[in-house]
Amino acid sequence: MRILDQDIPLKANLLNSFRKHWLLWSMLVVTAFLDFVTTYRFMTQYGIAVERNMVVRWLALNLGIVPGVLIGKSLQIFAAGAFSALSFKYSRAILLLIVGVNLLAILFNLTLVPRTPPL
């Protein structure tokens, strides 16, 4: 693909990222799953309105908790793939960032109590 007068091998970048950073990709899938489970538990316990991720909250309100949260977490994996395809050089940093955000979300889902009352 040609972007800004540069040839970017999207498929090759993504495949190289899968091969070179397979452990980070595995961690991404595991943390996304755990984030899904803890977000689901959090939403069923306190309500959708206390979710701070606006995209996940909107999806859960319009599609239901399970499909909304599942699509929201799938978008993370899709974004990691898209950015890794654009730049193999930065794919490790991107994966580390998303895994780190997932770990923080899991921690917050398990420990924080919302100030707003459940609906």
PDB file of N, CA and C in Angstrom:
ATOM      1  N   MET A   1       0.854  -1.172   0.000  1.00  0.00           N
ATOM      2  CA  MET A   1       0.000   0.000   0.000  1.00  0.00           C
ATOM      3  C   MET A   1       0.900   1.236   0.000  1.00  0.00           C
ATOM      4  N   ARG A   2       0.450   2.238  -0.694  1.00  0.00           N
ATOM      5  CA  ARG A   2       1.222   3.470  -0.796  1.00  0.00           C
ATOM      6  C   ARG A   2       0.550   4.550   0.052  1.00  0.00           C
ATOM      7  N   ILE A   3       1.275   5.039   1.066  1.00  0.00           N
ATOM      8  CA  ILE A   3       0.771   6.080   1.944  1.00  0.00           C
ATOM      9  C   ILE A   3       1.830   7.176   2.022  1.00  0.00           C
ATOM     10  N   LEU A   4       1.436   8.394   1.707  1.00  0.00           N
ATOM     11  CA  LEU A   4       2.343   9.548   1.724  1.00  0.00           C
ATOM     12  C   LEU A   4       3.627   9.269   0.952  1.00  0.00           C
ATOM     13  N   ASP A   5       3.462   8.768  -0.241  1.00  0.00           N
ATOM     14  CA  ASP A   5       4.579   8.469  -1.146  1.00  0.00           C
ATOM     15  C   ASP A   5       5.559   7.439  -0.592  1.00  0.00           C
ATOM     16  N   GLN A   6       5.106   6.588   0.287  1.00  0.00           N
ATOM     17  CA  GLN A   6       5.944   5.499   0.797  1.00  0.00           C
ATOM     18  C   GLN A   6       5.186   4.195   0.616  1.00  0.00           C
ATOM     19  N   ASP A   7       5.916   3.172   0.200  1.00  0.00           N
ATOM     20  CA  ASP A   7       5.323   1.838   0.109  1.00  0.00           C
ATOM     21  C   ASP A   7       5.373   1.183   1.479  1.00  0.00           C
ATOM     22  N   ILE A   8       4.219   0.785   1.965  1.00  0.00           N
ATOM     23  CA  ILE A   8       4.128   0.142   3.281  1.00  0.00           C
ATOM     24  C   ILE A   8       3.594  -1.260   3.067  1.00  0.00           C
ATOM     25  N   PRO A   9       4.413  -2.274   3.376  1.00  0.00           N
ATOM     26  CA  PRO A   9       3.960  -3.666   3.217  1.00  0.00           C
ATOM     27  C   PRO A   9       3.095  -4.083   4.412  1.00  0.00           C
ATOM     28  N   LEU A  10       1.806  -3.804   4.348  1.00  0.00           N
ATOM     29  CA  LEU A  10       0.905  -4.047   5.476  1.00  0.00           C
ATOM     30  C   LEU A  10       0.908  -5.505   5.929  1.00  0.00           C
ATOM     31  N   LYS A  11       0.729  -6.412   4.977  1.00  0.00           N
ATOM     32  CA  LYS A  11       0.658  -7.836   5.321  1.00  0.00           C
ATOM     33  C   LYS A  11       1.979  -8.325   5.901  1.00  0.00           C
ATOM     34  N   ALA A  12       3.088  -7.932   5.301  1.00  0.00           N
ATOM     35  CA  ALA A  12       4.404  -8.353   5.789  1.00  0.00           C
ATOM     36  C   ALA A  12       4.670  -7.796   7.185  1.00  0.00           C
ATOM     37  N   ASN A  13       4.307  -6.532   7.417  1.00  0.00           N
ATOM     38  CA  ASN A  13       4.493  -5.947   8.745  1.00  0.00           C
ATOM     39  C   ASN A  13       3.689  -6.703   9.802  1.00  0.00           C
ATOM     40  N   LEU A  14       2.445  -7.009   9.484  1.00  0.00           N
ATOM     41  CA  LEU A  14       1.595  -7.710  10.441  1.00  0.00           C
ATOM     42  C   LEU A  14       2.110  -9.124  10.708  1.00  0.00           C
ATOM     43  N   LEU A  15       2.483  -9.838   9.659  1.00  0.00           N
ATOM     44  CA  LEU A  15       3.018 -11.192   9.839  1.00  0.00           C
ATOM     45  C   LEU A  15       4.327 -11.176  10.625  1.00  0.00           C
ATOM     46  N   ASN A  16       5.193 -10.209  10.343  1.00  0.00           N
ATOM     47  CA  ASN A  16       6.437 -10.086  11.106  1.00  0.00           C
ATOM     48  C   ASN A  16       6.147  -9.784  12.570  1.00  0.00           C
ATOM     49  N   SER A  17       5.157  -8.951  12.812  1.00  0.00           N
ATOM     50  CA  SER A  17       4.783  -8.635  14.185  1.00  0.00           C
ATOM     51  C   SER A  17       4.264  -9.884  14.903  1.00  0.00           C
ATOM     52  N   PHE A  18       3.429 -10.675  14.217  1.00  0.00           N
ATOM     53  CA  PHE A  18       2.939 -11.925  14.821  1.00  0.00           C
ATOM     54  C   PHE A  18       4.101 -12.864  15.154  1.00  0.00           C
ATOM     55  N   ARG A  19       5.053 -12.985  14.226  1.00  0.00           N
ATOM     56  CA  ARG A  19       6.187 -13.892  14.436  1.00  0.00           C
ATOM     57  C   ARG A  19       7.126 -13.394  15.516  1.00  0.00           C
ATOM     58  N   LYS A  20       7.483 -12.142  15.448  1.00  0.00           N
ATOM     59  CA  LYS A  20       8.501 -11.599  16.355  1.00  0.00           C
ATOM     60  C   LYS A  20       7.944 -11.340  17.756  1.00  0.00           C
ATOM     61  N   HIS A  21       6.696 -10.895  17.839  1.00  0.00           N
ATOM     62  CA  HIS A  21       6.112 -10.504  19.129  1.00  0.00           C
ATOM     63  C   HIS A  21       4.946 -11.418  19.516  1.00  0.00           C
ATOM     64  N   TRP A  22       5.074 -12.702  19.264  1.00  0.00           N
ATOM     65  CA  TRP A  22       3.979 -13.635  19.544  1.00  0.00           C
ATOM     66  C   TRP A  22       3.580 -13.628  21.015  1.00  0.00           C
ATOM     67  N   LEU A  23       4.551 -13.423  21.908  1.00  0.00           N
ATOM     68  CA  LEU A  23       4.229 -13.404  23.333  1.00  0.00           C
ATOM     69  C   LEU A  23       3.361 -12.183  23.674  1.00  0.00           C
ATOM     70  N   LEU A  24       3.685 -11.030  23.100  1.00  0.00           N
ATOM     71  CA  LEU A  24       2.867  -9.843  23.339  1.00  0.00           C
ATOM     72  C   LEU A  24       1.471  -9.986  22.753  1.00  0.00           C
ATOM     73  N   TRP A  25       1.375 -10.603  21.579  1.00  0.00           N
ATOM     74  CA  TRP A  25       0.051 -10.848  20.989  1.00  0.00           C
ATOM     75  C   TRP A  25      -0.756 -11.788  21.882  1.00  0.00           C
ATOM     76  N   SER A  26      -0.098 -12.801  22.435  1.00  0.00           N
ATOM     77  CA  SER A  26      -0.783 -13.720  23.351  1.00  0.00           C
ATOM     78  C   SER A  26      -1.242 -12.984  24.605  1.00  0.00           C
ATOM     79  N   MET A  27      -0.365 -12.135  25.134  1.00  0.00           N
ATOM     80  CA  MET A  27      -0.727 -11.355  26.311  1.00  0.00           C
ATOM     81  C   MET A  27      -1.886 -10.410  26.006  1.00  0.00           C
ATOM     82  N   LEU A  28      -1.904  -9.861  24.802  1.00  0.00           N
ATOM     83  CA  LEU A  28      -3.001  -8.973  24.400  1.00  0.00           C
ATOM     84  C   LEU A  28      -4.331  -9.720  24.398  1.00  0.00           C
ATOM     85  N   VAL A  29      -4.356 -10.903  23.846  1.00  0.00           N
ATOM     86  CA  VAL A  29      -5.591 -11.683  23.795  1.00  0.00           C
ATOM     87  C   VAL A  29      -6.041 -12.063  25.211  1.00  0.00           C
ATOM     88  N   VAL A  30      -5.107 -12.484  26.048  1.00  0.00           N
ATOM     89  CA  VAL A  30      -5.456 -12.873  27.423  1.00  0.00           C
ATOM     90  C   VAL A  30      -5.958 -11.671  28.215  1.00  0.00           C
ATOM     91  N   THR A  31      -5.247 -10.539  28.121  1.00  0.00           N
ATOM     92  CA  THR A  31      -5.687  -9.365  28.882  1.00  0.00           C
ATOM     93  C   THR A  31      -7.001  -8.808  28.344  1.00  0.00           C
ATOM     94  N   ALA A  32      -7.217  -8.895  27.040  1.00  0.00           N
ATOM     95  CA  ALA A  32      -8.503  -8.444  26.481  1.00  0.00           C
ATOM     96  C   ALA A  32      -9.638  -9.324  27.008  1.00  0.00           C
ATOM     97  N   PHE A  33      -9.400 -10.631  27.098  1.00  0.00           N
ATOM     98  CA  PHE A  33     -10.416 -11.539  27.633  1.00  0.00           C
ATOM     99  C   PHE A  33     -10.688 -11.233  29.108  1.00  0.00           C
ATOM    100  N   LEU A  34      -9.621 -11.058  29.893  1.00  0.00           N
ATOM    101  CA  LEU A  34      -9.806 -10.752  31.315  1.00  0.00           C
ATOM    102  C   LEU A  34     -10.466  -9.390  31.502  1.00  0.00           C
ATOM    103  N   ASP A  35     -10.143  -8.436  30.646  1.00  0.00           N
ATOM    104  CA  ASP A  35     -10.800  -7.139  30.697  1.00  0.00           C
ATOM    105  C   ASP A  35     -12.282  -7.282  30.361  1.00  0.00           C
ATOM    106  N   PHE A  36     -12.603  -8.132  29.395  1.00  0.00           N
ATOM    107  CA  PHE A  36     -14.002  -8.401  29.057  1.00  0.00           C
ATOM    108  C   PHE A  36     -14.742  -8.966  30.272  1.00  0.00           C
ATOM    109  N   VAL A  37     -14.163  -9.969  30.906  1.00  0.00           N
ATOM    110  CA  VAL A  37     -14.818 -10.626  32.047  1.00  0.00           C
ATOM    111  C   VAL A  37     -15.008  -9.649  33.201  1.00  0.00           C
ATOM    112  N   THR A  38     -13.957  -8.886  33.532  1.00  0.00           N
ATOM    113  CA  THR A  38     -14.073  -7.971  34.672  1.00  0.00           C
ATOM    114  C   THR A  38     -14.997  -6.795  34.354  1.00  0.00           C
ATOM    115  N   THR A  39     -14.992  -6.329  33.100  1.00  0.00           N
ATOM    116  CA  THR A  39     -15.907  -5.251  32.714  1.00  0.00           C
ATOM    117  C   THR A  39     -17.348  -5.744  32.756  1.00  0.00           C
ATOM    118  N   TYR A  40     -17.582  -6.955  32.290  1.00  0.00           N
ATOM    119  CA  TYR A  40     -18.924  -7.540  32.349  1.00  0.00           C
ATOM    120  C   TYR A  40     -19.394  -7.634  33.799  1.00  0.00           C
ATOM    121  N   ARG A  41     -18.534  -8.138  34.669  1.00  0.00           N
ATOM    122  CA  ARG A  41     -18.889  -8.261  36.082  1.00  0.00           C
ATOM    123  C   ARG A  41     -19.168  -6.888  36.691  1.00  0.00           C
ATOM    124  N   PHE A  42     -18.317  -5.931  36.371  1.00  0.00           N
ATOM    125  CA  PHE A  42     -18.462  -4.575  36.878  1.00  0.00           C
ATOM    126  C   PHE A  42     -19.780  -3.956  36.413  1.00  0.00           C
ATOM    127  N   MET A  43     -20.088  -4.115  35.136  1.00  0.00           N
ATOM    128  CA  MET A  43     -21.318  -3.523  34.595  1.00  0.00           C
ATOM    129  C   MET A  43     -22.566  -4.187  35.146  1.00  0.00           C
ATOM    130  N   THR A  44     -22.538  -5.491  35.320  1.00  0.00           N
ATOM    131  CA  THR A  44     -23.721  -6.157  35.859  1.00  0.00           C
ATOM    132  C   THR A  44     -23.916  -5.830  37.337  1.00  0.00           C
ATOM    133  N   GLN A  45     -22.825  -5.538  38.027  1.00  0.00           N
ATOM    134  CA  GLN A  45     -22.921  -5.220  39.447  1.00  0.00           C
ATOM    135  C   GLN A  45     -23.329  -3.770  39.685  1.00  0.00           C
ATOM    136  N   TYR A  46     -22.743  -2.838  38.939  1.00  0.00           N
ATOM    137  CA  TYR A  46     -22.965  -1.412  39.189  1.00  0.00           C
ATOM    138  C   TYR A  46     -23.788  -0.704  38.125  1.00  0.00           C
ATOM    139  N   GLY A  47     -23.958  -1.309  36.974  1.00  0.00           N
ATOM    140  CA  GLY A  47     -24.730  -0.679  35.907  1.00  0.00           C
ATOM    141  C   GLY A  47     -23.835  -0.162  34.791  1.00  0.00           C
ATOM    142  N   ILE A  48     -24.444   0.028  33.643  1.00  0.00           N
ATOM    143  CA  ILE A  48     -23.714   0.476  32.460  1.00  0.00           C
ATOM    144  C   ILE A  48     -23.283   1.939  32.604  1.00  0.00           C
ATOM    145  N   ALA A  49     -24.073   2.731  33.292  1.00  0.00           N
ATOM    146  CA  ALA A  49     -23.828   4.170  33.371  1.00  0.00           C
ATOM    147  C   ALA A  49     -22.504   4.523  34.042  1.00  0.00           C
ATOM    148  N   VAL A  50     -21.943   3.650  34.847  1.00  0.00           N
ATOM    149  CA  VAL A  50     -20.701   3.971  35.549  1.00  0.00           C
ATOM    150  C   VAL A  50     -19.457   3.602  34.733  1.00  0.00           C
ATOM    151  N   GLU A  51     -19.633   2.978  33.590  1.00  0.00           N
ATOM    152  CA  GLU A  51     -18.493   2.650  32.724  1.00  0.00           C
ATOM    153  C   GLU A  51     -17.873   3.944  32.206  1.00  0.00           C
ATOM    154  N   ARG A  52     -16.562   4.083  32.332  1.00  0.00           N
ATOM    155  CA  ARG A  52     -15.884   5.316  31.948  1.00  0.00           C
ATOM    156  C   ARG A  52     -15.431   5.327  30.494  1.00  0.00           C
ATOM    157  N   ASN A  53     -15.310   4.170  29.871  1.00  0.00           N
ATOM    158  CA  ASN A  53     -14.948   4.121  28.452  1.00  0.00           C
ATOM    159  C   ASN A  53     -16.201   4.447  27.660  1.00  0.00           C
ATOM    160  N   MET A  54     -16.195   5.605  27.011  1.00  0.00           N
ATOM    161  CA  MET A  54     -17.404   6.076  26.327  1.00  0.00           C
ATOM    162  C   MET A  54     -17.836   5.150  25.199  1.00  0.00           C
ATOM    163  N   VAL A  55     -16.875   4.566  24.488  1.00  0.00           N
ATOM    164  CA  VAL A  55     -17.214   3.673  23.373  1.00  0.00           C
ATOM    165  C   VAL A  55     -17.879   2.408  23.901  1.00  0.00           C
ATOM    166  N   VAL A  56     -17.288   1.801  24.909  1.00  0.00           N
ATOM    167  CA  VAL A  56     -17.851   0.572  25.482  1.00  0.00           C
ATOM    168  C   VAL A  56     -19.204   0.864  26.118  1.00  0.00           C
ATOM    169  N   ARG A  57     -19.324   2.000  26.794  1.00  0.00           N
ATOM    170  CA  ARG A  57     -20.606   2.354  27.413  1.00  0.00           C
ATOM    171  C   ARG A  57     -21.686   2.532  26.347  1.00  0.00           C
ATOM    172  N   TRP A  58     -21.374   3.244  25.247  1.00  0.00           N
ATOM    173  CA  TRP A  58     -22.338   3.449  24.183  1.00  0.00           C
ATOM    174  C   TRP A  58     -22.730   2.119  23.539  1.00  0.00           C
ATOM    175  N   LEU A  59     -21.730   1.263  23.279  1.00  0.00           N
ATOM    176  CA  LEU A  59     -22.022  -0.043  22.684  1.00  0.00           C
ATOM    177  C   LEU A  59     -22.890  -0.887  23.612  1.00  0.00           C
ATOM    178  N   ALA A  60     -22.572  -0.869  24.910  1.00  0.00           N
ATOM    179  CA  ALA A  60     -23.356  -1.664  25.870  1.00  0.00           C
ATOM    180  C   ALA A  60     -24.786  -1.135  26.003  1.00  0.00           C
ATOM    181  N   LEU A  61     -24.948   0.169  25.954  1.00  0.00           N
ATOM    182  CA  LEU A  61     -26.293   0.743  26.043  1.00  0.00           C
ATOM    183  C   LEU A  61     -27.131   0.405  24.816  1.00  0.00           C
ATOM    184  N   ASN A  62     -26.505   0.383  23.652  1.00  0.00           N
ATOM    185  CA  ASN A  62     -27.248   0.181  22.411  1.00  0.00           C
ATOM    186  C   ASN A  62     -27.359  -1.274  21.974  1.00  0.00           C
ATOM    187  N   LEU A  63     -26.383  -2.095  22.334  1.00  0.00           N
ATOM    188  CA  LEU A  63     -26.378  -3.496  21.887  1.00  0.00           C
ATOM    189  C   LEU A  63     -26.580  -4.501  23.013  1.00  0.00           C
ATOM    190  N   GLY A  64     -26.438  -4.065  24.243  1.00  0.00           N
ATOM    191  CA  GLY A  64     -26.482  -4.975  25.377  1.00  0.00           C
ATOM    192  C   GLY A  64     -25.087  -5.113  25.963  1.00  0.00           C
ATOM    193  N   ILE A  65     -25.025  -5.589  27.183  1.00  0.00           N
ATOM    194  CA  ILE A  65     -23.737  -5.643  27.875  1.00  0.00           C
ATOM    195  C   ILE A  65     -22.770  -6.596  27.184  1.00  0.00           C
ATOM    196  N   VAL A  66     -23.170  -7.828  26.940  1.00  0.00           N
ATOM    197  CA  VAL A  66     -22.236  -8.810  26.368  1.00  0.00           C
ATOM    198  C   VAL A  66     -21.774  -8.415  24.967  1.00  0.00           C
ATOM    199  N   PRO A  67     -22.685  -8.142  24.024  1.00  0.00           N
ATOM    200  CA  PRO A  67     -22.195  -7.764  22.698  1.00  0.00           C
ATOM    201  C   PRO A  67     -21.420  -6.453  22.697  1.00  0.00           C
ATOM    202  N   GLY A  68     -21.862  -5.480  23.497  1.00  0.00           N
ATOM    203  CA  GLY A  68     -21.182  -4.190  23.534  1.00  0.00           C
ATOM    204  C   GLY A  68     -19.762  -4.294  24.043  1.00  0.00           C
ATOM    205  N   VAL A  69     -19.584  -5.000  25.153  1.00  0.00           N
ATOM    206  CA  VAL A  69     -18.244  -5.159  25.710  1.00  0.00           C
ATOM    207  C   VAL A  69     -17.386  -6.029  24.793  1.00  0.00           C
ATOM    208  N   LEU A  70     -17.965  -7.068  24.217  1.00  0.00           N
ATOM    209  CA  LEU A  70     -17.216  -7.935  23.300  1.00  0.00           C
ATOM    210  C   LEU A  70     -16.728  -7.160  22.074  1.00  0.00           C
ATOM    211  N   ILE A  71     -17.576  -6.338  21.505  1.00  0.00           N
ATOM    212  CA  ILE A  71     -17.162  -5.535  20.350  1.00  0.00           C
ATOM    213  C   ILE A  71     -16.103  -4.518  20.765  1.00  0.00           C
ATOM    214  N   GLY A  72     -16.268  -3.906  21.924  1.00  0.00           N
ATOM    215  CA  GLY A  72     -15.286  -2.932  22.406  1.00  0.00           C
ATOM    216  C   GLY A  72     -13.911  -3.543  22.589  1.00  0.00           C
ATOM    217  N   LYS A  73     -13.854  -4.732  23.138  1.00  0.00           N
ATOM    218  CA  LYS A  73     -12.557  -5.398  23.337  1.00  0.00           C
ATOM    219  C   LYS A  73     -12.000  -5.918  22.020  1.00  0.00           C
ATOM    220  N   SER A  74     -12.867  -6.317  21.105  1.00  0.00           N
ATOM    221  CA  SER A  74     -12.404  -6.751  19.786  1.00  0.00           C
ATOM    222  C   SER A  74     -11.797  -5.590  19.015  1.00  0.00           C
ATOM    223  N   LEU A  75     -12.338  -4.407  19.210  1.00  0.00           N
ATOM    224  CA  LEU A  75     -11.781  -3.230  18.553  1.00  0.00           C
ATOM    225  C   LEU A  75     -10.355  -2.955  19.001  1.00  0.00           C
ATOM    226  N   GLN A  76     -10.028  -3.273  20.250  1.00  0.00           N
ATOM    227  CA  GLN A  76      -8.650  -3.117  20.726  1.00  0.00           C
ATOM    228  C   GLN A  76      -7.705  -4.009  19.925  1.00  0.00           C
ATOM    229  N   ILE A  77      -8.111  -5.245  19.742  1.00  0.00           N
ATOM    230  CA  ILE A  77      -7.259  -6.185  19.007  1.00  0.00           C
ATOM    231  C   ILE A  77      -7.149  -5.758  17.545  1.00  0.00           C
ATOM    232  N   PHE A  78      -8.255  -5.299  16.969  1.00  0.00           N
ATOM    233  CA  PHE A  78      -8.225  -4.811  15.594  1.00  0.00           C
ATOM    234  C   PHE A  78      -7.298  -3.602  15.473  1.00  0.00           C
ATOM    235  N   ALA A  79      -7.361  -2.680  16.425  1.00  0.00           N
ATOM    236  CA  ALA A  79      -6.500  -1.487  16.395  1.00  0.00           C
ATOM    237  C   ALA A  79      -5.033  -1.878  16.521  1.00  0.00           C
ATOM    238  N   ALA A  80      -4.731  -2.839  17.387  1.00  0.00           N
ATOM    239  CA  ALA A  80      -3.351  -3.304  17.514  1.00  0.00           C
ATOM    240  C   ALA A  80      -2.865  -3.889  16.196  1.00  0.00           C
ATOM    241  N   GLY A  81      -3.711  -4.659  15.534  1.00  0.00           N
ATOM    242  CA  GLY A  81      -3.347  -5.225  14.238  1.00  0.00           C
ATOM    243  C   GLY A  81      -3.155  -4.157  13.178  1.00  0.00           C
ATOM    244  N   ALA A  82      -4.041  -3.172  13.160  1.00  0.00           N
ATOM    245  CA  ALA A  82      -3.940  -2.102  12.157  1.00  0.00           C
ATOM    246  C   ALA A  82      -2.675  -1.282  12.349  1.00  0.00           C
ATOM    247  N   PHE A  83      -2.380  -0.898  13.583  1.00  0.00           N
ATOM    248  CA  PHE A  83      -1.174  -0.107  13.821  1.00  0.00           C
ATOM    249  C   PHE A  83       0.094  -0.929  13.595  1.00  0.00           C
ATOM    250  N   SER A  84       0.054  -2.216  13.940  1.00  0.00           N
ATOM    251  CA  SER A  84       1.212  -3.076  13.689  1.00  0.00           C
ATOM    252  C   SER A  84       1.437  -3.268  12.199  1.00  0.00           C
ATOM    253  N   ALA A  85       0.372  -3.316  11.433  1.00  0.00           N
ATOM    254  CA  ALA A  85       0.500  -3.445   9.982  1.00  0.00           C
ATOM    255  C   ALA A  85       1.091  -2.176   9.373  1.00  0.00           C
ATOM    256  N   LEU A  86       0.754  -1.047   9.929  1.00  0.00           N
ATOM    257  CA  LEU A  86       1.290   0.206   9.411  1.00  0.00           C
ATOM    258  C   LEU A  86       2.775   0.372   9.718  1.00  0.00           C
ATOM    259  N   SER A  87       3.211  -0.131  10.888  1.00  0.00           N
ATOM    260  CA  SER A  87       4.614   0.049  11.259  1.00  0.00           C
ATOM    261  C   SER A  87       5.097  -1.107  12.116  1.00  0.00           C
ATOM    262  N   PHE A  88       5.903  -1.976  11.512  1.00  0.00           N
ATOM    263  CA  PHE A  88       6.493  -3.063  12.292  1.00  0.00           C
ATOM    264  C   PHE A  88       7.439  -2.505  13.346  1.00  0.00           C
ATOM    265  N   LYS A  89       8.109  -1.417  13.019  1.00  0.00           N
ATOM    266  CA  LYS A  89       9.087  -0.811  13.923  1.00  0.00           C
ATOM    267  C   LYS A  89       8.455  -0.450  15.272  1.00  0.00           C
ATOM    268  N   TYR A  90       7.234   0.028  15.240  1.00  0.00           N
ATOM    269  CA  TYR A  90       6.566   0.460  16.466  1.00  0.00           C
ATOM    270  C   TYR A  90       5.542  -0.545  16.989  1.00  0.00           C
ATOM    271  N   SER A  91       5.472  -1.719  16.411  1.00  0.00           N
ATOM    272  CA  SER A  91       4.444  -2.680  16.818  1.00  0.00           C
ATOM    273  C   SER A  91       4.630  -3.151  18.257  1.00  0.00           C
ATOM    274  N   ARG A  92       5.870  -3.318  18.688  1.00  0.00           N
ATOM    275  CA  ARG A  92       6.095  -3.752  20.075  1.00  0.00           C
ATOM    276  C   ARG A  92       5.596  -2.691  21.048  1.00  0.00           C
ATOM    277  N   ALA A  93       5.895  -1.438  20.777  1.00  0.00           N
ATOM    278  CA  ALA A  93       5.443  -0.355  21.654  1.00  0.00           C
ATOM    279  C   ALA A  93       3.919  -0.279  21.687  1.00  0.00           C
ATOM    280  N   ILE A  94       3.303  -0.442  20.545  1.00  0.00           N
ATOM    281  CA  ILE A  94       1.835  -0.399  20.466  1.00  0.00           C
ATOM    282  C   ILE A  94       1.229  -1.537  21.287  1.00  0.00           C
ATOM    283  N   LEU A  95       1.780  -2.730  21.111  1.00  0.00           N
ATOM    284  CA  LEU A  95       1.264  -3.887  21.854  1.00  0.00           C
ATOM    285  C   LEU A  95       1.469  -3.710  23.354  1.00  0.00           C
ATOM    286  N   LEU A  96       2.636  -3.222  23.749  1.00  0.00           N
ATOM    287  CA  LEU A  96       2.890  -2.988  25.174  1.00  0.00           C
ATOM    288  C   LEU A  96       1.929  -1.952  25.740  1.00  0.00           C
ATOM    289  N   LEU A  97       1.662  -0.921  24.974  1.00  0.00           N
ATOM    290  CA  LEU A  97       0.737   0.115  25.429  1.00  0.00           C
ATOM    291  C   LEU A  97      -0.667  -0.451  25.632  1.00  0.00           C
ATOM    292  N   ILE A  98      -1.167  -1.204  24.675  1.00  0.00           N
ATOM    293  CA  ILE A  98      -2.527  -1.737  24.786  1.00  0.00           C
ATOM    294  C   ILE A  98      -2.617  -2.784  25.888  1.00  0.00           C
ATOM    295  N   VAL A  99      -1.600  -3.625  26.034  1.00  0.00           N
ATOM    296  CA  VAL A  99      -1.586  -4.598  27.134  1.00  0.00           C
ATOM    297  C   VAL A  99      -1.566  -3.862  28.471  1.00  0.00           C
ATOM    298  N   GLY A 100      -0.766  -2.801  28.566  1.00  0.00           N
ATOM    299  CA  GLY A 100      -0.718  -2.013  29.802  1.00  0.00           C
ATOM    300  C   GLY A 100      -2.059  -1.372  30.134  1.00  0.00           C
ATOM    301  N   VAL A 101      -2.721  -0.837  29.131  1.00  0.00           N
ATOM    302  CA  VAL A 101      -4.045  -0.241  29.348  1.00  0.00           C
ATOM    303  C   VAL A 101      -5.038  -1.315  29.795  1.00  0.00           C
ATOM    304  N   ASN A 102      -4.957  -2.495  29.190  1.00  0.00           N
ATOM    305  CA  ASN A 102      -5.840  -3.596  29.600  1.00  0.00           C
ATOM    306  C   ASN A 102      -5.580  -3.994  31.050  1.00  0.00           C
ATOM    307  N   LEU A 103      -4.308  -4.066  31.435  1.00  0.00           N
ATOM    308  CA  LEU A 103      -3.990  -4.427  32.817  1.00  0.00           C
ATOM    309  C   LEU A 103      -4.520  -3.386  33.799  1.00  0.00           C
ATOM    310  N   LEU A 104      -4.396  -2.109  33.447  1.00  0.00           N
ATOM    311  CA  LEU A 104      -4.970  -1.064  34.301  1.00  0.00           C
ATOM    312  C   LEU A 104      -6.490  -1.178  34.382  1.00  0.00           C
ATOM    313  N   ALA A 105      -7.129  -1.448  33.255  1.00  0.00           N
ATOM    314  CA  ALA A 105      -8.582  -1.593  33.248  1.00  0.00           C
ATOM    315  C   ALA A 105      -9.014  -2.772  34.119  1.00  0.00           C
ATOM    316  N   ILE A 106      -8.281  -3.878  34.052  1.00  0.00           N
ATOM    317  CA  ILE A 106      -8.600  -5.041  34.886  1.00  0.00           C
ATOM    318  C   ILE A 106      -8.462  -4.674  36.356  1.00  0.00           C
ATOM    319  N   LEU A 107      -7.373  -3.995  36.697  1.00  0.00           N
ATOM    320  CA  LEU A 107      -7.148  -3.575  38.081  1.00  0.00           C
ATOM    321  C   LEU A 107      -8.270  -2.652  38.559  1.00  0.00           C
ATOM    322  N   PHE A 108      -8.638  -1.674  37.740  1.00  0.00           N
ATOM    323  CA  PHE A 108      -9.707  -0.760  38.123  1.00  0.00           C
ATOM    324  C   PHE A 108     -11.041  -1.485  38.246  1.00  0.00           C
ATOM    325  N   ASN A 109     -11.333  -2.388  37.328  1.00  0.00           N
ATOM    326  CA  ASN A 109     -12.594  -3.126  37.384  1.00  0.00           C
ATOM    327  C   ASN A 109     -12.697  -3.974  38.645  1.00  0.00           C
ATOM    328  N   LEU A 110     -11.576  -4.474  39.118  1.00  0.00           N
ATOM    329  CA  LEU A 110     -11.592  -5.343  40.297  1.00  0.00           C
ATOM    330  C   LEU A 110     -11.557  -4.572  41.609  1.00  0.00           C
ATOM    331  N   THR A 111     -11.017  -3.355  41.615  1.00  0.00           N
ATOM    332  CA  THR A 111     -10.784  -2.678  42.889  1.00  0.00           C
ATOM    333  C   THR A 111     -11.592  -1.415  43.111  1.00  0.00           C
ATOM    334  N   LEU A 112     -11.916  -0.691  42.059  1.00  0.00           N
ATOM    335  CA  LEU A 112     -12.591   0.589  42.263  1.00  0.00           C
ATOM    336  C   LEU A 112     -14.080   0.412  42.498  1.00  0.00           C
ATOM    337  N   VAL A 113     -14.584   1.254  43.361  1.00  0.00           N
ATOM    338  CA  VAL A 113     -16.023   1.296  43.620  1.00  0.00           C
ATOM    339  C   VAL A 113     -16.505   2.639  43.081  1.00  0.00           C
ATOM    340  N   PRO A 114     -17.495   2.641  42.205  1.00  0.00           N
ATOM    341  CA  PRO A 114     -17.943   3.908  41.609  1.00  0.00           C
ATOM    342  C   PRO A 114     -18.627   4.805  42.631  1.00  0.00           C
ATOM    343  N   ARG A 115     -18.500   6.110  42.416  1.00  0.00           N
ATOM    344  CA  ARG A 115     -19.152   7.075  43.292  1.00  0.00           C
ATOM    345  C   ARG A 115     -20.619   7.225  42.975  1.00  0.00           C
ATOM    346  N   THR A 116     -20.982   7.001  41.731  1.00  0.00           N
ATOM    347  CA  THR A 116     -22.389   7.110  41.361  1.00  0.00           C
ATOM    348  C   THR A 116     -23.113   5.814  41.749  1.00  0.00           C
ATOM    349  N   PRO A 117     -24.320   5.916  42.234  1.00  0.00           N
ATOM    350  CA  PRO A 117     -25.044   4.704  42.637  1.00  0.00           C
ATOM    351  C   PRO A 117     -25.440   3.873  41.422  1.00  0.00           C
ATOM    352  N   PRO A 118     -25.549   2.555  41.612  1.00  0.00           N
ATOM    353  CA  PRO A 118     -25.977   1.706  40.489  1.00  0.00           C
ATOM    354  C   PRO A 118     -27.403   2.019  40.080  1.00  0.00           C
ATOM    355  N   LEU A 119     -27.684   1.773  38.808  1.00  0.00           N
ATOM    356  CA  LEU A 119     -29.041   2.019  38.297  1.00  0.00           C
ATOM    357  C   LEU A 119     -29.931   0.834  38.530  1.00  0.00           C
TER     358      LEU A 119
END
